[in-house]
Amino acid sequence: MRLSIIVPMLNEAEQLPELFAHLLPYQQAGCEIIFVDGGSNDGSATLPEMAGFIALCTARGRAKQMNAGASQASGDVLLFLHADTRLPQNATGHIEQTLINNKYCWGRFDVCIIGRFIMLRVVSRLMNWRSRLTGIATGDQAIFVRRAVFEHLQGFPDQPLMEDVELSKRLLVFSRPACIAHCVTTSGRRWEVGGVWRTILLMWRLRWAYWRGTDAGKLARLYR
């Protein structure tokens, strides 16, 4: 079982060296690492290739970028990793053990949000609990999926927001997600910049509106 790790990015030059160091052992262990830039203006696009990784450029939009990376991937399993998220130790082993039988065709990790505010720990637990209850995963949880199933669904829907939620809904037709209890860690910068409570309320408002059928483009404008 070969794993392809696809990283969409936009203006992440400052943290890319640390991310490269994090992903290098996975590459050395046989994983395919693909970075997909969406039009950075800080030099991000040139750095992955210089570091020895596969680098692609495409139109801006996380769904577009992840689909572009998936179209070039050769792995049996695709893992979509945000640039500010780090995998737990032995992530590939956890995925392989999870997918070794046919009970699951996709999954995600628990997430731990790293930041200055203790409330972020509560947010993390709520995200993990909600995901287990609903079967819906978010991009922060490092979604992985068998390539054949992903291609059957024609990838992420081409929409500017909630592409992870929509893909999860479509994947539920095939199986519930495997919820790996080992945590990925992700940056709390979004919550710290926007305010923890304000960001929590905004995200719940957006999810509620999406569930009621509001267009993802309109929600993306509210999010920005």
Foldseek 3Di string as FASTA:
>chain_A
DEEEEEEEDAQPVVCVVVVLVLCVVVVVVPHAYEYEYADHPPPPQPPQVVSPHHGHYDHDAPQVRQLVSLVPDDGQKYWYAYPQKGDDPPNVVVVCVVPVDQQAFKAFEQAQEDDDDPCSRVVSVVQLVVCVVPLQHDNNRTIMGGSVVCVVVVGFPRFRDCSSRVVSVVRVVRHRHDYHHDYMYGYPVVCVVCPVVNVVVLVVVLVVVVVVPDGRNVSVVVVD
